[in-house]
């Protein structure tokens, strides 16, 4: 399927389900992220089980980030996985990211000229 960029960014819908309900996001497709990410506050509100902390390397150095067990729906597929919980800066245009943990299950082609992504 081909999807036009939204607000000049490759974003698709991501649903996260926990014991306390479900949240939907317009999530940024981030091929540089090893794991998907939602706001930490939402992980808490959804009642996602805390699975520990891990160290990540970013452009600004080492950082510690919390992991949560989640049920994810993406493009009508269901995933059970660990996701990052981190509140992004208030000025961020997106609040969630889809990382390689999900994207590696698909063939994904970003067309920056047409401002669309094809994912199968």
C-alpha atoms as a PDB file:
ATOM      1  CA  UNK A   1       0.000   0.000   0.000  1.00  0.00           C
ATOM      2  CA  UNK A   2       1.119   3.537  -0.717  1.00  0.00           C
ATOM      3  CA  UNK A   3       0.523   6.284   1.824  1.00  0.00           C
ATOM      4  CA  UNK A   4       1.120   9.993   1.307  1.00  0.00           C
ATOM      5  CA  UNK A   5       3.284  11.771   3.877  1.00  0.00           C
ATOM      6  CA  UNK A   6       1.337  13.678   6.501  1.00  0.00           C
ATOM      7  CA  UNK A   7       2.596  17.168   7.354  1.00  0.00           C
ATOM      8  CA  UNK A   8       5.618  16.364   5.142  1.00  0.00           C
ATOM      9  CA  UNK A   9       6.545  13.319   7.273  1.00  0.00           C
ATOM     10  CA  UNK A  10       6.185   9.546   6.836  1.00  0.00           C
ATOM     11  CA  UNK A  11       3.598   8.679   9.487  1.00  0.00           C
ATOM     12  CA  UNK A  12       1.152   5.800   9.822  1.00  0.00           C
ATOM     13  CA  UNK A  13      -1.379   4.784  12.426  1.00  0.00           C
ATOM     14  CA  UNK A  14      -0.150   2.774  15.402  1.00  0.00           C
ATOM     15  CA  UNK A  15      -2.462   1.308  18.051  1.00  0.00           C
ATOM     16  CA  UNK A  16      -1.178   0.289  21.466  1.00  0.00           C
ATOM     17  CA  UNK A  17      -3.329  -1.821  23.775  1.00  0.00           C
ATOM     18  CA  UNK A  18      -2.871  -2.339  27.482  1.00  0.00           C
ATOM     19  CA  UNK A  19      -4.952  -3.581  30.424  1.00  0.00           C
ATOM     20  CA  UNK A  20      -6.480  -0.108  30.842  1.00  0.00           C
ATOM     21  CA  UNK A  21      -7.469   0.565  27.227  1.00  0.00           C
ATOM     22  CA  UNK A  22      -6.098   1.582  23.842  1.00  0.00           C
ATOM     23  CA  UNK A  23      -4.328   4.619  22.386  1.00  0.00           C
ATOM     24  CA  UNK A  24      -3.908   5.507  18.713  1.00  0.00           C
ATOM     25  CA  UNK A  25      -1.032   7.531  17.291  1.00  0.00           C
ATOM     26  CA  UNK A  26       0.061   9.056  14.023  1.00  0.00           C
ATOM     27  CA  UNK A  27       3.497   7.516  14.449  1.00  0.00           C
ATOM     28  CA  UNK A  28       6.666   8.550  12.608  1.00  0.00           C
ATOM     29  CA  UNK A  29       8.360   5.770  10.603  1.00  0.00           C
ATOM     30  CA  UNK A  30      11.889   5.860  12.042  1.00  0.00           C
ATOM     31  CA  UNK A  31      14.263   3.452  10.271  1.00  0.00           C
ATOM     32  CA  UNK A  32      17.062   4.529  12.617  1.00  0.00           C
ATOM     33  CA  UNK A  33      15.214   3.417  15.748  1.00  0.00           C
ATOM     34  CA  UNK A  34      15.673  -0.160  16.883  1.00  0.00           C
ATOM     35  CA  UNK A  35      12.426  -0.135  18.859  1.00  0.00           C
ATOM     36  CA  UNK A  36       9.096   1.622  18.643  1.00  0.00           C
ATOM     37  CA  UNK A  37       8.293   4.351  21.146  1.00  0.00           C
ATOM     38  CA  UNK A  38       5.241   5.855  22.830  1.00  0.00           C
ATOM     39  CA  UNK A  39       4.986   8.526  25.519  1.00  0.00           C
ATOM     40  CA  UNK A  40       5.938   7.179  28.952  1.00  0.00           C
ATOM     41  CA  UNK A  41       2.816   8.767  30.432  1.00  0.00           C
ATOM     42  CA  UNK A  42       0.663   6.771  28.002  1.00  0.00           C
ATOM     43  CA  UNK A  43       2.477   3.523  28.874  1.00  0.00           C
ATOM     44  CA  UNK A  44       1.605   4.198  32.513  1.00  0.00           C
ATOM     45  CA  UNK A  45      -2.009   5.205  31.730  1.00  0.00           C
ATOM     46  CA  UNK A  46      -2.504   2.074  29.582  1.00  0.00           C
ATOM     47  CA  UNK A  47      -1.198  -0.092  32.418  1.00  0.00           C
ATOM     48  CA  UNK A  48       1.591  -1.584  30.299  1.00  0.00           C
ATOM     49  CA  UNK A  49       3.820  -3.866  32.380  1.00  0.00           C
ATOM     50  CA  UNK A  50       7.222  -2.293  33.084  1.00  0.00           C
ATOM     51  CA  UNK A  51      10.010  -4.550  31.767  1.00  0.00           C
ATOM     52  CA  UNK A  52      13.114  -2.690  32.982  1.00  0.00           C
ATOM     53  CA  UNK A  53      15.507  -0.075  31.681  1.00  0.00           C
ATOM     54  CA  UNK A  54      17.988  -0.321  28.844  1.00  0.00           C
ATOM     55  CA  UNK A  55      20.810   1.851  27.555  1.00  0.00           C
ATOM     56  CA  UNK A  56      20.575   3.366  24.104  1.00  0.00           C
ATOM     57  CA  UNK A  57      23.055   5.315  22.009  1.00  0.00           C
ATOM     58  CA  UNK A  58      21.736   8.459  20.331  1.00  0.00           C
ATOM     59  CA  UNK A  59      23.248  11.398  18.506  1.00  0.00           C
ATOM     60  CA  UNK A  60      23.706  13.094  21.879  1.00  0.00           C
ATOM     61  CA  UNK A  61      25.358  10.111  23.606  1.00  0.00           C
ATOM     62  CA  UNK A  62      24.243   7.350  25.974  1.00  0.00           C
ATOM     63  CA  UNK A  63      20.847   7.431  27.581  1.00  0.00           C
ATOM     64  CA  UNK A  64      18.700   5.182  29.746  1.00  0.00           C
ATOM     65  CA  UNK A  65      15.153   4.457  28.622  1.00  0.00           C
ATOM     66  CA  UNK A  66      12.276   2.427  30.075  1.00  0.00           C
ATOM     67  CA  UNK A  67      10.861  -0.666  28.381  1.00  0.00           C
ATOM     68  CA  UNK A  68       7.244  -1.777  28.506  1.00  0.00           C
ATOM     69  CA  UNK A  69       5.472  -4.933  27.325  1.00  0.00           C
ATOM     70  CA  UNK A  70       2.827  -3.984  24.776  1.00  0.00           C
ATOM     71  CA  UNK A  71       0.335  -5.303  22.283  1.00  0.00           C
ATOM     72  CA  UNK A  72       0.681  -3.343  19.055  1.00  0.00           C
ATOM     73  CA  UNK A  73      -1.564  -3.178  16.008  1.00  0.00           C
ATOM     74  CA  UNK A  74       0.065  -1.906  12.826  1.00  0.00           C
ATOM     75  CA  UNK A  75      -1.402  -2.331   9.323  1.00  0.00           C
ATOM     76  CA  UNK A  76      -3.865  -4.953  10.594  1.00  0.00           C
ATOM     77  CA  UNK A  77      -1.114  -7.083  12.146  1.00  0.00           C
ATOM     78  CA  UNK A  78      -0.758  -7.761  15.843  1.00  0.00           C
ATOM     79  CA  UNK A  79       2.615  -7.707  17.591  1.00  0.00           C
ATOM     80  CA  UNK A  80       3.583  -8.585  21.179  1.00  0.00           C
ATOM     81  CA  UNK A  81       6.804  -6.747  21.968  1.00  0.00           C
ATOM     82  CA  UNK A  82       8.843  -4.510  24.202  1.00  0.00           C
ATOM     83  CA  UNK A  83       8.560  -0.824  23.358  1.00  0.00           C
ATOM     84  CA  UNK A  84      10.280   2.272  24.657  1.00  0.00           C
ATOM     85  CA  UNK A  85       8.441   4.667  26.940  1.00  0.00           C
ATOM     86  CA  UNK A  86       9.700   8.240  26.584  1.00  0.00           C
ATOM     87  CA  UNK A  87       7.912  11.571  26.572  1.00  0.00           C
ATOM     88  CA  UNK A  88       9.166  13.494  23.552  1.00  0.00           C
ATOM     89  CA  UNK A  89       9.635  17.278  23.774  1.00  0.00           C
ATOM     90  CA  UNK A  90       6.427  19.283  23.710  1.00  0.00           C
ATOM     91  CA  UNK A  91       7.424  20.934  20.423  1.00  0.00           C
ATOM     92  CA  UNK A  92       7.819  17.528  18.699  1.00  0.00           C
ATOM     93  CA  UNK A  93       5.404  17.106  15.784  1.00  0.00           C
ATOM     94  CA  UNK A  94       4.850  13.426  16.653  1.00  0.00           C
ATOM     95  CA  UNK A  95       4.452  11.671  19.992  1.00  0.00           C
ATOM     96  CA  UNK A  96       5.201   8.109  18.869  1.00  0.00           C
ATOM     97  CA  UNK A  97       7.639   6.355  16.537  1.00  0.00           C
ATOM     98  CA  UNK A  98       7.572   3.065  14.669  1.00  0.00           C
ATOM     99  CA  UNK A  99      11.011   1.477  14.769  1.00  0.00           C
ATOM    100  CA  UNK A 100      12.762  -1.434  13.108  1.00  0.00           C
ATOM    101  CA  UNK A 101      11.153  -3.897  15.539  1.00  0.00           C
ATOM    102  CA  UNK A 102       7.991  -3.453  13.454  1.00  0.00           C
ATOM    103  CA  UNK A 103       9.348  -2.155  10.128  1.00  0.00           C
ATOM    104  CA  UNK A 104      11.588  -5.211   9.662  1.00  0.00           C
ATOM    105  CA  UNK A 105       8.413  -7.266   9.113  1.00  0.00           C
ATOM    106  CA  UNK A 106       7.686  -5.294   5.943  1.00  0.00           C
ATOM    107  CA  UNK A 107       9.254  -4.181   2.692  1.00  0.00           C
ATOM    108  CA  UNK A 108       9.298  -0.399   3.006  1.00  0.00           C
ATOM    109  CA  UNK A 109      10.187   2.140   0.313  1.00  0.00           C
ATOM    110  CA  UNK A 110      10.332   5.876   1.041  1.00  0.00           C
ATOM    111  CA  UNK A 111       9.769   8.093  -1.999  1.00  0.00           C
ATOM    112  CA  UNK A 112      10.891  11.561  -0.952  1.00  0.00           C
ATOM    113  CA  UNK A 113      10.149  13.030  -4.383  1.00  0.00           C
ATOM    114  CA  UNK A 114       6.486  11.968  -4.360  1.00  0.00           C
ATOM    115  CA  UNK A 115       6.285  12.418  -0.549  1.00  0.00           C
ATOM    116  CA  UNK A 116       4.914   8.914   0.006  1.00  0.00           C
ATOM    117  CA  UNK A 117       5.870   5.613   1.536  1.00  0.00           C
ATOM    118  CA  UNK A 118       5.095   2.186   0.107  1.00  0.00           C
ATOM    119  CA  UNK A 119       4.863  -0.614   2.613  1.00  0.00           C
ATOM    120  CA  UNK A 120       4.041  -4.258   1.870  1.00  0.00           C
END
